[in-house]
Protein backbone atom coordinates (compact mmCIF):
# COMPACT_ATOMS: atom_id res chain seq x y z
CA UNK A 1 -7.33 -1.93 -11.67
CA UNK A 2 -9.59 0.89 -10.46
CA UNK A 3 -7.58 2.74 -8.04
CA UNK A 4 -4.62 4.94 -8.18
CA UNK A 5 -3.28 2.82 -5.35
CA UNK A 6 -3.76 -0.76 -6.97
CA UNK A 7 -2.21 0.88 -10.27
CA UNK A 8 0.83 2.27 -8.21
CA UNK A 9 1.41 -1.15 -6.38
CA UNK A 10 1.01 -2.91 -9.43
CA UNK A 11 3.29 -0.90 -11.34
CA UNK A 12 5.71 -0.87 -8.51
CA UNK A 13 5.99 -4.57 -8.27
CA UNK A 14 6.26 -5.54 -12.32
CA UNK A 15 9.13 -2.66 -11.70
CA UNK A 16 10.56 -5.29 -8.99
CA UNK A 17 10.98 -2.45 -6.56
CA UNK A 18 10.04 -2.28 -2.80
CA UNK A 19 7.78 0.90 -1.60
CA UNK A 20 11.28 1.83 0.15
CA UNK A 21 13.26 1.42 -2.94
CA UNK A 22 10.35 3.28 -4.82
CA UNK A 23 10.05 5.98 -2.26
CA UNK A 24 14.20 6.59 -2.10
CA UNK A 25 14.12 7.39 -6.05
CA UNK A 26 11.07 9.68 -5.88
CA UNK A 27 12.44 11.79 -2.57
CA UNK A 28 9.47 10.68 -0.54
CA UNK A 29 9.36 8.61 2.66
CA UNK A 30 8.19 4.92 2.60
CA UNK A 31 5.13 5.77 4.63
CA UNK A 32 4.11 8.07 1.72
CA UNK A 33 4.03 5.40 -0.90
CA UNK A 34 2.14 2.92 1.62
CA UNK A 35 -0.41 5.41 1.93
CA UNK A 36 -0.98 6.38 -1.41
CA UNK A 37 -1.28 2.41 -2.31
CA UNK A 38 -3.48 1.33 0.67
CA UNK A 39 -5.65 4.39 1.09
CA UNK A 40 -5.03 6.40 -1.86
CA UNK A 41 -4.04 9.24 -0.20
CA UNK A 42 -3.88 12.51 -2.34
CA UNK A 43 -0.46 13.01 -3.50
CA UNK A 44 1.25 16.03 -5.39
CA UNK A 45 1.32 16.31 -9.05
CA UNK A 46 4.95 16.32 -8.84
CA UNK A 47 5.31 13.53 -6.80
CA UNK A 48 2.91 11.46 -8.74
CA UNK A 49 5.07 12.50 -12.15
CA UNK A 50 8.19 11.32 -10.55
CA UNK A 51 6.48 8.07 -9.53
CA UNK A 52 5.47 7.80 -13.13
CA UNK A 53 8.84 8.29 -14.59
CA UNK A 54 10.56 5.75 -12.61
CA UNK A 55 7.75 3.43 -12.93
CA UNK A 56 7.91 3.96 -16.62
CA UNK A 57 4.15 4.63 -16.63
CA UNK A 58 1.67 7.07 -18.05
CA UNK A 59 1.08 9.70 -15.74
CA UNK A 60 -2.74 9.84 -16.75
CA UNK A 61 -2.93 6.11 -16.46
CA UNK A 62 -1.44 6.36 -13.26
CA UNK A 63 -4.09 8.66 -11.87
CA UNK A 64 -7.33 8.29 -13.99
CA UNK A 65 -6.54 4.42 -15.27
C-alpha cells in the first residue's frame, strides 16, 4: 500500500467501519474521509491522529507507510 489513502481504506475496512462510521467517530464528515482515501487530500495532523487511534494503527505507518 503506497499511499495514505490506500492505507486508510485498508485499515478502515479491516476494522469493519464504513466511511460514515469512521467519520462520526473522529468528528469529520464522510466526504472528508472519502477525499483522503480517493484523492489523498491533505488532512490535519489532529484528524490523522484521531483516525489512527480509532483504527488502532500507528500514526507514522498511516502517514508514511
